[in-house]
Amino acid sequence: HFYGFFCPATALKILAIATAMSAFFALLMNKITAYNSVTLFLNRSLEGKAYDFRKGTPKAFRQQLDVVIHAYLSLKVGLVQADEKATSKYSSELLEALQNVDGKVLKGDAKAFWEEKKSFLMQHARLCKEASTIAGKRENFIYLSQPLIKVVEAYGPGDEKLYVDFCPMANNNKGAFWLSASKVIENPFLEESMRDCGEVKQEITSNK
């Protein structure tokens, strides 16, 4: 009989399915909202106010920051080559280098700026270290690069100039920035066949 379709047991099953679907779509919308918020942050992070703390930066902080930059650039090379051993080594070294930076030697805005950026750098350096795949490390390298670019702009890159590169195809075609010691494009986000995808967007002059 047709009315059997509306028996209590069937109605309960339909209700359970509807509830599950409602919960699924609510979770999906939350993820989309969070995803869009992160994307908006990334897009704005390079467009915000540029700071210049080069003159007042203590030598001790400068030396510690140089270690961070070196570890980052080494990690970038490992990602370009999709070298699991190298990326594991340098992601660990980057996290350690960040932990060793003593922001207490800074003052005022320079100190506040570093503390803000360091918390974000530490978070994604740790996630990058913990990621078990090259793809996972590449994903976190996107979020590492954004604040480190602002840090290098503010305190300077050290004795050698650095370049800010951009690839429009990285990060699921939303684009991503990274730092490089050379004008030659070596994309850390894409496969070997796409290694030269990208362009130099900015040159950050040395502290000399």
N, C-alpha and C. Protein backbone atom coordinates (compact mmCIF):
# COMPACT_ATOMS: atom_id res chain seq x y z
N HIS A 1 0.83 -1.19 0.00
CA HIS A 1 0.00 0.00 0.00
C HIS A 1 0.87 1.25 0.00
N PHE A 2 0.41 2.27 -0.68
CA PHE A 2 1.19 3.52 -0.79
C PHE A 2 1.37 4.19 0.57
N TYR A 3 0.32 4.09 1.43
CA TYR A 3 0.40 4.78 2.72
C TYR A 3 1.49 4.17 3.61
N GLY A 4 1.96 2.97 3.23
CA GLY A 4 3.02 2.33 4.01
C GLY A 4 4.31 3.13 3.97
N PHE A 5 4.47 3.90 2.94
CA PHE A 5 5.68 4.74 2.80
C PHE A 5 5.81 5.71 3.96
N PHE A 6 4.69 6.04 4.56
CA PHE A 6 4.67 7.04 5.63
C PHE A 6 4.64 6.41 7.02
N CYS A 7 5.03 5.13 7.14
CA CYS A 7 5.03 4.49 8.44
C CYS A 7 6.06 5.15 9.34
N PRO A 8 5.90 5.06 10.66
CA PRO A 8 6.81 5.75 11.59
C PRO A 8 8.28 5.43 11.38
N ALA A 9 8.62 4.16 11.12
CA ALA A 9 10.02 3.78 10.94
C ALA A 9 10.64 4.47 9.74
N THR A 10 9.88 4.53 8.65
CA THR A 10 10.37 5.19 7.44
C THR A 10 10.52 6.68 7.67
N ALA A 11 9.55 7.27 8.35
CA ALA A 11 9.59 8.70 8.63
C ALA A 11 10.81 9.05 9.46
N LEU A 12 11.14 8.17 10.43
CA LEU A 12 12.32 8.41 11.27
C LEU A 12 13.60 8.34 10.45
N LYS A 13 13.66 7.40 9.50
CA LYS A 13 14.83 7.29 8.64
C LYS A 13 15.01 8.54 7.78
N ILE A 14 13.88 9.00 7.23
CA ILE A 14 13.92 10.21 6.40
C ILE A 14 14.39 11.41 7.23
N LEU A 15 13.88 11.50 8.47
CA LEU A 15 14.27 12.60 9.36
C LEU A 15 15.76 12.54 9.68
N ALA A 16 16.25 11.31 9.91
CA ALA A 16 17.67 11.13 10.23
C ALA A 16 18.54 11.55 9.06
N ILE A 17 18.13 11.16 7.85
CA ILE A 17 18.89 11.52 6.65
C ILE A 17 18.89 13.03 6.46
N ALA A 18 17.74 13.65 6.64
CA ALA A 18 17.63 15.10 6.47
C ALA A 18 18.50 15.83 7.49
N THR A 19 18.51 15.33 8.72
CA THR A 19 19.33 15.95 9.77
C THR A 19 20.81 15.84 9.44
N ALA A 20 21.21 14.65 8.96
CA ALA A 20 22.62 14.43 8.60
C ALA A 20 23.04 15.34 7.45
N MET A 21 22.14 15.47 6.45
CA MET A 21 22.45 16.33 5.31
C MET A 21 22.56 17.79 5.74
N SER A 22 21.68 18.20 6.65
CA SER A 22 21.71 19.57 7.14
C SER A 22 23.03 19.86 7.86
N ALA A 23 23.47 18.89 8.68
CA ALA A 23 24.73 19.05 9.41
C ALA A 23 25.91 19.10 8.46
N PHE A 24 25.84 18.25 7.41
CA PHE A 24 26.92 18.20 6.42
C PHE A 24 27.06 19.55 5.70
N PHE A 25 25.92 20.10 5.25
CA PHE A 25 25.96 21.37 4.53
C PHE A 25 26.39 22.52 5.44
N ALA A 26 26.03 22.47 6.71
CA ALA A 26 26.46 23.50 7.66
C ALA A 26 27.98 23.45 7.83
N LEU A 27 28.51 22.22 7.94
CA LEU A 27 29.97 22.05 8.06
C LEU A 27 30.67 22.52 6.81
N LEU A 28 30.09 22.19 5.66
CA LEU A 28 30.68 22.61 4.38
C LEU A 28 30.73 24.13 4.28
N MET A 29 29.66 24.81 4.67
CA MET A 29 29.63 26.26 4.59
C MET A 29 30.64 26.89 5.55
N ASN A 30 30.82 26.27 6.73
CA ASN A 30 31.82 26.77 7.67
C ASN A 30 33.22 26.67 7.09
N LYS A 31 33.50 25.54 6.40
CA LYS A 31 34.81 25.35 5.79
C LYS A 31 35.03 26.35 4.66
N ILE A 32 34.00 26.59 3.88
CA ILE A 32 34.12 27.56 2.79
C ILE A 32 34.38 28.96 3.34
N THR A 33 33.65 29.31 4.41
CA THR A 33 33.86 30.62 5.03
C THR A 33 35.27 30.77 5.57
N ALA A 34 35.76 29.72 6.24
CA ALA A 34 37.13 29.76 6.77
C ALA A 34 38.14 29.85 5.65
N TYR A 35 37.89 29.07 4.59
CA TYR A 35 38.78 29.06 3.42
C TYR A 35 38.84 30.44 2.77
N ASN A 36 37.69 31.07 2.62
CA ASN A 36 37.64 32.40 2.02
C ASN A 36 38.34 33.43 2.90
N SER A 37 38.23 33.26 4.23
CA SER A 37 38.88 34.19 5.15
C SER A 37 40.39 34.10 5.03
N VAL A 38 40.90 32.86 4.92
CA VAL A 38 42.35 32.67 4.76
C VAL A 38 42.82 33.25 3.43
N THR A 39 42.05 33.01 2.38
CA THR A 39 42.41 33.55 1.06
C THR A 39 42.45 35.06 1.08
N LEU A 40 41.46 35.67 1.75
CA LEU A 40 41.42 37.12 1.84
C LEU A 40 42.63 37.64 2.61
N PHE A 41 42.98 36.91 3.69
CA PHE A 41 44.16 37.32 4.45
C PHE A 41 45.42 37.27 3.59
N LEU A 42 45.56 36.20 2.80
CA LEU A 42 46.74 36.05 1.96
C LEU A 42 46.80 37.14 0.91
N ASN A 43 45.67 37.48 0.34
CA ASN A 43 45.66 38.51 -0.69
C ASN A 43 46.00 39.88 -0.12
N ARG A 44 45.58 40.13 1.12
CA ARG A 44 45.81 41.44 1.73
C ARG A 44 47.19 41.55 2.37
N SER A 45 47.79 40.38 2.70
CA SER A 45 49.02 40.42 3.49
C SER A 45 50.15 41.13 2.78
N LEU A 46 50.20 41.06 1.46
CA LEU A 46 51.26 41.74 0.73
C LEU A 46 50.86 43.14 0.31
N GLU A 47 49.61 43.50 0.58
CA GLU A 47 49.14 44.81 0.18
C GLU A 47 49.09 45.79 1.35
N GLY A 48 49.33 45.27 2.56
CA GLY A 48 49.23 46.12 3.74
C GLY A 48 50.39 47.08 3.87
N LYS A 49 50.36 47.82 4.96
CA LYS A 49 51.37 48.84 5.22
C LYS A 49 52.76 48.21 5.30
N ALA A 50 53.73 48.83 4.64
CA ALA A 50 55.10 48.35 4.66
C ALA A 50 55.86 49.07 5.77
N TYR A 51 56.55 48.31 6.62
CA TYR A 51 57.32 48.87 7.71
C TYR A 51 58.81 48.82 7.38
N ASP A 52 59.57 49.72 7.99
CA ASP A 52 61.02 49.71 7.80
C ASP A 52 61.70 49.87 9.16
N PHE A 53 62.20 48.75 9.68
CA PHE A 53 62.87 48.74 10.97
C PHE A 53 64.37 48.47 10.82
N ARG A 54 64.91 48.65 9.65
CA ARG A 54 66.31 48.29 9.39
C ARG A 54 67.30 49.02 10.30
N LYS A 55 67.11 50.32 10.44
CA LYS A 55 68.09 51.14 11.16
C LYS A 55 68.17 50.79 12.64
N GLY A 56 67.05 50.46 13.23
CA GLY A 56 67.06 50.21 14.67
C GLY A 56 67.17 48.75 15.06
N THR A 57 67.44 47.86 14.09
CA THR A 57 67.49 46.44 14.39
C THR A 57 68.83 46.04 15.03
N PRO A 58 68.81 45.49 16.25
CA PRO A 58 70.04 45.06 16.90
C PRO A 58 70.76 43.97 16.11
N LYS A 59 72.07 43.93 16.22
CA LYS A 59 72.89 42.97 15.48
C LYS A 59 72.52 41.54 15.83
N ALA A 60 72.24 41.27 17.10
CA ALA A 60 71.89 39.92 17.55
C ALA A 60 70.63 39.42 16.86
N PHE A 61 69.62 40.29 16.78
CA PHE A 61 68.38 39.91 16.10
C PHE A 61 68.63 39.69 14.62
N ARG A 62 69.43 40.53 14.03
CA ARG A 62 69.75 40.43 12.60
C ARG A 62 70.40 39.08 12.29
N GLN A 63 71.32 38.68 13.12
CA GLN A 63 72.02 37.40 12.91
C GLN A 63 71.07 36.22 13.06
N GLN A 64 70.17 36.30 14.03
CA GLN A 64 69.20 35.22 14.23
C GLN A 64 68.21 35.14 13.08
N LEU A 65 67.82 36.31 12.57
CA LEU A 65 66.90 36.35 11.44
C LEU A 65 67.57 35.79 10.18
N ASP A 66 68.86 36.03 10.03
CA ASP A 66 69.59 35.49 8.88
C ASP A 66 69.54 33.97 8.86
N VAL A 67 69.59 33.35 10.04
CA VAL A 67 69.52 31.88 10.14
C VAL A 67 68.14 31.40 9.68
N VAL A 68 67.11 32.15 10.05
CA VAL A 68 65.73 31.83 9.63
C VAL A 68 65.62 31.89 8.11
N ILE A 69 66.11 32.97 7.54
CA ILE A 69 66.03 33.16 6.09
C ILE A 69 66.79 32.05 5.35
N HIS A 70 67.97 31.70 5.85
CA HIS A 70 68.76 30.64 5.22
C HIS A 70 68.02 29.31 5.25
N ALA A 71 67.42 28.98 6.39
CA ALA A 71 66.67 27.73 6.49
C ALA A 71 65.46 27.74 5.55
N TYR A 72 64.79 28.88 5.47
CA TYR A 72 63.63 29.02 4.56
C TYR A 72 64.05 28.81 3.11
N LEU A 73 65.14 29.45 2.69
CA LEU A 73 65.60 29.33 1.30
C LEU A 73 66.05 27.91 1.00
N SER A 74 66.64 27.24 1.97
CA SER A 74 67.05 25.84 1.78
C SER A 74 65.82 24.94 1.66
N LEU A 75 64.80 25.23 2.46
CA LEU A 75 63.54 24.48 2.37
C LEU A 75 62.91 24.70 1.00
N LYS A 76 62.98 25.92 0.52
CA LYS A 76 62.41 26.22 -0.81
C LYS A 76 63.07 25.37 -1.89
N VAL A 77 64.40 25.26 -1.84
CA VAL A 77 65.13 24.45 -2.81
C VAL A 77 64.69 22.99 -2.71
N GLY A 78 64.52 22.50 -1.50
CA GLY A 78 64.07 21.12 -1.31
C GLY A 78 62.69 20.88 -1.90
N LEU A 79 61.81 21.87 -1.76
CA LEU A 79 60.46 21.75 -2.32
C LEU A 79 60.49 21.81 -3.85
N VAL A 80 61.36 22.66 -4.39
CA VAL A 80 61.51 22.73 -5.85
C VAL A 80 61.90 21.37 -6.40
N GLN A 81 62.82 20.71 -5.71
CA GLN A 81 63.33 19.41 -6.15
C GLN A 81 62.49 18.24 -5.65
N ALA A 82 61.45 18.54 -4.88
CA ALA A 82 60.59 17.50 -4.29
C ALA A 82 61.43 16.47 -3.55
N ASP A 83 62.42 16.96 -2.81
CA ASP A 83 63.35 16.12 -2.07
C ASP A 83 62.83 15.94 -0.64
N GLU A 84 62.31 14.76 -0.35
CA GLU A 84 61.69 14.53 0.96
C GLU A 84 62.69 14.64 2.10
N LYS A 85 63.91 14.13 1.89
CA LYS A 85 64.93 14.18 2.94
C LYS A 85 65.32 15.63 3.24
N ALA A 86 65.53 16.41 2.19
CA ALA A 86 65.94 17.81 2.36
C ALA A 86 64.82 18.63 3.00
N THR A 87 63.59 18.43 2.55
CA THR A 87 62.48 19.22 3.11
C THR A 87 62.25 18.87 4.58
N SER A 88 62.45 17.61 4.94
CA SER A 88 62.32 17.22 6.34
C SER A 88 63.40 17.89 7.18
N LYS A 89 64.62 17.90 6.67
CA LYS A 89 65.76 18.49 7.37
C LYS A 89 65.57 20.00 7.56
N TYR A 90 65.24 20.69 6.49
CA TYR A 90 65.20 22.15 6.55
C TYR A 90 63.92 22.69 7.18
N SER A 91 62.83 21.93 7.13
CA SER A 91 61.64 22.37 7.86
C SER A 91 61.90 22.30 9.36
N SER A 92 62.66 21.30 9.79
CA SER A 92 63.04 21.19 11.20
C SER A 92 63.99 22.33 11.58
N GLU A 93 64.94 22.63 10.70
CA GLU A 93 65.90 23.70 10.97
C GLU A 93 65.20 25.06 11.01
N LEU A 94 64.20 25.24 10.16
CA LEU A 94 63.47 26.50 10.15
C LEU A 94 62.72 26.70 11.46
N LEU A 95 62.06 25.65 11.93
CA LEU A 95 61.32 25.75 13.19
C LEU A 95 62.28 26.06 14.34
N GLU A 96 63.41 25.39 14.36
CA GLU A 96 64.40 25.64 15.41
C GLU A 96 64.94 27.07 15.34
N ALA A 97 65.20 27.54 14.12
CA ALA A 97 65.72 28.90 13.95
C ALA A 97 64.72 29.93 14.45
N LEU A 98 63.45 29.72 14.16
CA LEU A 98 62.41 30.64 14.63
C LEU A 98 62.33 30.64 16.15
N GLN A 99 62.46 29.48 16.76
CA GLN A 99 62.40 29.37 18.21
C GLN A 99 63.56 30.12 18.87
N ASN A 100 64.67 30.20 18.15
CA ASN A 100 65.88 30.83 18.71
C ASN A 100 65.94 32.34 18.53
N VAL A 101 65.00 32.90 17.78
CA VAL A 101 64.99 34.35 17.59
C VAL A 101 64.50 35.03 18.86
N ASP A 102 65.31 35.94 19.38
CA ASP A 102 64.97 36.64 20.62
C ASP A 102 64.40 38.02 20.29
N GLY A 103 63.08 38.09 20.26
CA GLY A 103 62.42 39.35 19.94
C GLY A 103 62.47 40.36 21.08
N LYS A 104 62.94 39.94 22.26
CA LYS A 104 63.00 40.84 23.41
C LYS A 104 64.02 41.96 23.21
N VAL A 105 64.95 41.76 22.27
CA VAL A 105 65.95 42.81 22.03
C VAL A 105 65.38 43.95 21.20
N LEU A 106 64.19 43.74 20.64
CA LEU A 106 63.53 44.78 19.85
C LEU A 106 62.70 45.68 20.77
N LYS A 107 62.30 46.83 20.24
CA LYS A 107 61.50 47.76 21.02
C LYS A 107 60.33 48.31 20.19
N GLY A 108 59.31 48.75 20.89
CA GLY A 108 58.19 49.45 20.26
C GLY A 108 57.52 48.68 19.14
N ASP A 109 57.27 49.38 18.04
CA ASP A 109 56.59 48.79 16.90
C ASP A 109 57.36 47.61 16.30
N ALA A 110 58.69 47.72 16.32
CA ALA A 110 59.52 46.65 15.76
C ALA A 110 59.32 45.35 16.53
N LYS A 111 59.19 45.45 17.84
CA LYS A 111 58.96 44.28 18.68
C LYS A 111 57.56 43.71 18.47
N ALA A 112 56.55 44.58 18.47
CA ALA A 112 55.16 44.15 18.29
C ALA A 112 54.97 43.49 16.92
N PHE A 113 55.60 44.07 15.92
CA PHE A 113 55.51 43.53 14.55
C PHE A 113 56.09 42.12 14.51
N TRP A 114 57.27 41.93 15.09
CA TRP A 114 57.90 40.62 15.06
C TRP A 114 57.07 39.59 15.83
N GLU A 115 56.57 39.95 16.99
CA GLU A 115 55.79 39.01 17.79
C GLU A 115 54.55 38.53 17.04
N GLU A 116 53.92 39.45 16.32
CA GLU A 116 52.73 39.08 15.53
C GLU A 116 53.10 38.11 14.41
N LYS A 117 54.15 38.42 13.67
CA LYS A 117 54.54 37.58 12.55
C LYS A 117 55.11 36.25 13.01
N LYS A 118 55.85 36.28 14.13
CA LYS A 118 56.48 35.05 14.60
C LYS A 118 55.45 33.99 14.96
N SER A 119 54.35 34.39 15.58
CA SER A 119 53.33 33.41 15.98
C SER A 119 52.78 32.68 14.76
N PHE A 120 52.58 33.40 13.68
CA PHE A 120 52.06 32.78 12.45
C PHE A 120 53.14 31.92 11.79
N LEU A 121 54.38 32.41 11.78
CA LEU A 121 55.49 31.64 11.23
C LEU A 121 55.71 30.34 11.99
N MET A 122 55.66 30.42 13.30
CA MET A 122 55.85 29.23 14.14
C MET A 122 54.78 28.18 13.88
N GLN A 123 53.55 28.64 13.76
CA GLN A 123 52.43 27.73 13.54
C GLN A 123 52.63 26.92 12.26
N HIS A 124 52.97 27.60 11.18
CA HIS A 124 53.08 26.90 9.90
C HIS A 124 54.44 26.23 9.70
N ALA A 125 55.45 26.69 10.39
CA ALA A 125 56.73 25.97 10.37
C ALA A 125 56.54 24.62 11.05
N ARG A 126 55.78 24.60 12.13
CA ARG A 126 55.51 23.35 12.84
C ARG A 126 54.66 22.41 11.97
N LEU A 127 53.65 22.96 11.33
CA LEU A 127 52.80 22.14 10.46
C LEU A 127 53.59 21.63 9.25
N CYS A 128 54.48 22.47 8.75
CA CYS A 128 55.31 22.06 7.62
C CYS A 128 56.23 20.91 8.03
N LYS A 129 56.80 21.01 9.21
CA LYS A 129 57.67 19.95 9.72
C LYS A 129 56.89 18.65 9.90
N GLU A 130 55.67 18.76 10.41
CA GLU A 130 54.86 17.58 10.72
C GLU A 130 54.23 16.95 9.48
N ALA A 131 54.10 17.72 8.40
CA ALA A 131 53.49 17.19 7.18
C ALA A 131 54.31 16.01 6.65
N SER A 132 53.64 14.94 6.30
CA SER A 132 54.34 13.71 5.90
C SER A 132 54.57 13.61 4.40
N THR A 133 54.02 14.57 3.65
CA THR A 133 54.17 14.53 2.19
C THR A 133 54.71 15.86 1.68
N ILE A 134 55.27 15.82 0.47
CA ILE A 134 55.74 17.05 -0.19
C ILE A 134 54.56 17.99 -0.40
N ALA A 135 53.42 17.44 -0.78
CA ALA A 135 52.23 18.27 -1.01
C ALA A 135 51.83 19.01 0.26
N GLY A 136 51.88 18.33 1.40
CA GLY A 136 51.54 18.96 2.67
C GLY A 136 52.52 20.06 3.05
N LYS A 137 53.80 19.82 2.79
CA LYS A 137 54.81 20.83 3.09
C LYS A 137 54.67 22.02 2.15
N ARG A 138 54.35 21.76 0.90
CA ARG A 138 54.15 22.85 -0.06
C ARG A 138 52.96 23.71 0.36
N GLU A 139 51.92 23.10 0.83
CA GLU A 139 50.74 23.86 1.26
C GLU A 139 51.09 24.81 2.40
N ASN A 140 51.84 24.33 3.38
CA ASN A 140 52.20 25.19 4.51
C ASN A 140 53.27 26.20 4.14
N PHE A 141 54.05 25.91 3.09
CA PHE A 141 55.05 26.86 2.64
C PHE A 141 54.39 28.14 2.10
N ILE A 142 53.18 28.00 1.59
CA ILE A 142 52.41 29.16 1.14
C ILE A 142 52.21 30.13 2.31
N TYR A 143 51.78 29.57 3.45
CA TYR A 143 51.45 30.39 4.61
C TYR A 143 52.69 30.84 5.38
N LEU A 144 53.79 30.11 5.21
CA LEU A 144 55.08 30.55 5.76
C LEU A 144 55.62 31.75 5.00
N SER A 145 55.46 31.71 3.70
CA SER A 145 56.06 32.74 2.85
C SER A 145 55.44 34.11 3.05
N GLN A 146 54.13 34.16 3.24
CA GLN A 146 53.43 35.44 3.36
C GLN A 146 54.00 36.31 4.48
N PRO A 147 54.02 35.83 5.74
CA PRO A 147 54.54 36.69 6.81
C PRO A 147 56.05 36.90 6.73
N LEU A 148 56.79 35.90 6.20
CA LEU A 148 58.24 36.07 6.12
C LEU A 148 58.61 37.15 5.11
N ILE A 149 57.84 37.28 4.05
CA ILE A 149 58.08 38.35 3.08
C ILE A 149 57.95 39.71 3.78
N LYS A 150 56.91 39.87 4.59
CA LYS A 150 56.72 41.13 5.31
C LYS A 150 57.85 41.37 6.32
N VAL A 151 58.31 40.30 6.96
CA VAL A 151 59.42 40.41 7.91
C VAL A 151 60.69 40.87 7.19
N VAL A 152 60.97 40.26 6.04
CA VAL A 152 62.18 40.62 5.28
C VAL A 152 62.08 42.05 4.77
N GLU A 153 60.89 42.46 4.36
CA GLU A 153 60.71 43.85 3.94
C GLU A 153 61.00 44.81 5.10
N ALA A 154 60.58 44.44 6.28
CA ALA A 154 60.69 45.34 7.43
C ALA A 154 62.11 45.42 7.99
N TYR A 155 62.75 44.25 8.16
CA TYR A 155 64.07 44.22 8.79
C TYR A 155 65.21 44.08 7.78
N GLY A 156 64.86 43.85 6.52
CA GLY A 156 65.86 43.67 5.49
C GLY A 156 66.26 42.21 5.33
N PRO A 157 66.80 41.83 4.17
CA PRO A 157 67.16 40.44 3.90
C PRO A 157 68.57 40.06 4.33
N GLY A 158 69.31 41.01 4.90
CA GLY A 158 70.69 40.70 5.27
C GLY A 158 71.67 41.22 4.23
N ASP A 159 72.75 40.48 4.02
CA ASP A 159 73.82 40.95 3.14
C ASP A 159 73.50 40.81 1.65
N GLU A 160 72.53 39.98 1.31
CA GLU A 160 72.19 39.75 -0.10
C GLU A 160 70.74 40.13 -0.37
N LYS A 161 70.49 40.67 -1.55
CA LYS A 161 69.12 41.02 -1.93
C LYS A 161 68.30 39.75 -2.12
N LEU A 162 67.00 39.88 -1.93
CA LEU A 162 66.08 38.78 -2.17
C LEU A 162 64.99 39.24 -3.12
N TYR A 163 64.32 38.26 -3.72
CA TYR A 163 63.27 38.55 -4.69
C TYR A 163 61.96 37.93 -4.23
N VAL A 164 60.88 38.64 -4.46
CA VAL A 164 59.54 38.12 -4.19
C VAL A 164 58.97 37.62 -5.51
N ASP A 165 58.73 36.33 -5.58
CA ASP A 165 58.19 35.71 -6.79
C ASP A 165 56.72 35.38 -6.61
N PHE A 166 56.03 35.24 -7.73
CA PHE A 166 54.60 34.94 -7.69
C PHE A 166 54.23 33.98 -8.80
N CYS A 167 53.42 32.99 -8.46
CA CYS A 167 52.88 32.05 -9.46
C CYS A 167 51.36 32.08 -9.38
N PRO A 168 50.69 32.42 -10.48
CA PRO A 168 49.22 32.49 -10.47
C PRO A 168 48.54 31.13 -10.42
N MET A 169 49.28 30.06 -10.74
CA MET A 169 48.69 28.73 -10.79
C MET A 169 48.80 27.98 -9.46
N ALA A 170 49.68 28.45 -8.60
CA ALA A 170 49.85 27.78 -7.31
C ALA A 170 48.63 28.00 -6.41
N ASN A 171 48.55 27.20 -5.35
CA ASN A 171 47.45 27.37 -4.39
C ASN A 171 46.09 27.24 -5.07
N ASN A 172 45.96 26.17 -5.87
CA ASN A 172 44.70 25.90 -6.59
C ASN A 172 44.26 27.08 -7.44
N ASN A 173 45.21 27.64 -8.18
CA ASN A 173 44.98 28.74 -9.12
C ASN A 173 44.57 30.06 -8.45
N LYS A 174 44.80 30.16 -7.13
CA LYS A 174 44.57 31.43 -6.45
C LYS A 174 45.86 32.24 -6.40
N GLY A 175 46.97 31.58 -6.68
CA GLY A 175 48.26 32.25 -6.68
C GLY A 175 48.96 32.18 -5.34
N ALA A 176 50.28 32.24 -5.38
CA ALA A 176 51.08 32.21 -4.15
C ALA A 176 52.41 32.91 -4.37
N PHE A 177 52.91 33.54 -3.31
CA PHE A 177 54.19 34.24 -3.33
C PHE A 177 55.25 33.40 -2.61
N TRP A 178 56.50 33.66 -2.93
CA TRP A 178 57.60 33.08 -2.16
C TRP A 178 58.85 33.94 -2.33
N LEU A 179 59.82 33.72 -1.46
CA LEU A 179 61.09 34.43 -1.50
C LEU A 179 62.14 33.60 -2.22
N SER A 180 63.01 34.29 -2.95
CA SER A 180 64.07 33.61 -3.68
C SER A 180 65.35 34.44 -3.62
N ALA A 181 66.49 33.76 -3.67
CA ALA A 181 67.77 34.45 -3.68
C ALA A 181 68.23 34.75 -5.10
N SER A 182 67.46 34.31 -6.09
CA SER A 182 67.85 34.48 -7.49
C SER A 182 66.67 34.99 -8.32
N LYS A 183 67.00 35.69 -9.41
CA LYS A 183 65.96 36.14 -10.32
C LYS A 183 65.37 34.99 -11.13
N VAL A 184 66.11 33.90 -11.21
CA VAL A 184 65.64 32.73 -11.95
C VAL A 184 64.47 32.09 -11.20
N ILE A 185 63.36 31.90 -11.90
CA ILE A 185 62.18 31.32 -11.27
C ILE A 185 62.36 29.82 -11.08
N GLU A 186 62.23 29.40 -9.82
CA GLU A 186 62.20 27.98 -9.47
C GLU A 186 61.02 27.79 -8.53
N ASN A 187 59.94 27.31 -9.08
CA ASN A 187 58.67 27.25 -8.38
C ASN A 187 58.65 26.12 -7.34
N PRO A 188 58.44 26.44 -6.07
CA PRO A 188 58.44 25.40 -5.03
C PRO A 188 57.09 24.71 -4.86
N PHE A 189 56.07 25.17 -5.58
CA PHE A 189 54.71 24.67 -5.36
C PHE A 189 54.24 23.65 -6.41
N LEU A 190 54.82 23.72 -7.61
CA LEU A 190 54.32 22.89 -8.71
C LEU A 190 55.29 21.78 -9.07
N GLU A 191 54.83 20.89 -9.94
CA GLU A 191 55.65 19.76 -10.37
C GLU A 191 56.82 20.24 -11.23
N GLU A 192 57.76 19.33 -11.49
CA GLU A 192 58.99 19.67 -12.19
C GLU A 192 58.73 20.30 -13.56
N SER A 193 57.72 19.81 -14.26
CA SER A 193 57.42 20.34 -15.59
C SER A 193 56.97 21.79 -15.57
N MET A 194 56.53 22.27 -14.38
CA MET A 194 56.06 23.65 -14.22
C MET A 194 57.02 24.47 -13.36
N ARG A 195 58.25 24.05 -13.27
CA ARG A 195 59.22 24.67 -12.37
C ARG A 195 59.46 26.15 -12.67
N ASP A 196 59.36 26.52 -13.95
CA ASP A 196 59.65 27.91 -14.31
C ASP A 196 58.40 28.78 -14.38
N CYS A 197 57.30 28.28 -13.84
CA CYS A 197 56.05 29.05 -13.84
C CYS A 197 56.11 30.12 -12.76
N GLY A 198 55.97 31.37 -13.15
CA GLY A 198 55.96 32.46 -12.18
C GLY A 198 56.72 33.67 -12.70
N GLU A 199 56.77 34.69 -11.89
CA GLU A 199 57.49 35.91 -12.26
C GLU A 199 57.97 36.64 -11.01
N VAL A 200 59.00 37.46 -11.19
CA VAL A 200 59.50 38.27 -10.08
C VAL A 200 58.60 39.48 -9.92
N LYS A 201 58.09 39.66 -8.71
CA LYS A 201 57.19 40.78 -8.43
C LYS A 201 57.87 41.93 -7.70
N GLN A 202 58.95 41.63 -7.00
CA GLN A 202 59.57 42.66 -6.17
C GLN A 202 61.02 42.28 -5.88
N GLU A 203 61.87 43.30 -5.75
CA GLU A 203 63.26 43.08 -5.33
C GLU A 203 63.45 43.78 -3.99
N ILE A 204 63.92 43.03 -3.01
CA ILE A 204 64.15 43.60 -1.67
C ILE A 204 65.66 43.80 -1.52
N THR A 205 66.07 45.04 -1.45
CA THR A 205 67.51 45.36 -1.41
C THR A 205 68.15 44.90 -0.11
N SER A 206 69.44 44.62 -0.18
CA SER A 206 70.19 44.12 0.98
C SER A 206 70.33 45.21 2.04
N ASN A 207 70.83 44.82 3.21
CA ASN A 207 71.05 45.76 4.31
C ASN A 207 72.39 46.48 4.20
N LYS A 208 73.16 46.15 3.20
CA LYS A 208 74.47 46.80 3.04
C LYS A 208 74.32 48.27 2.67
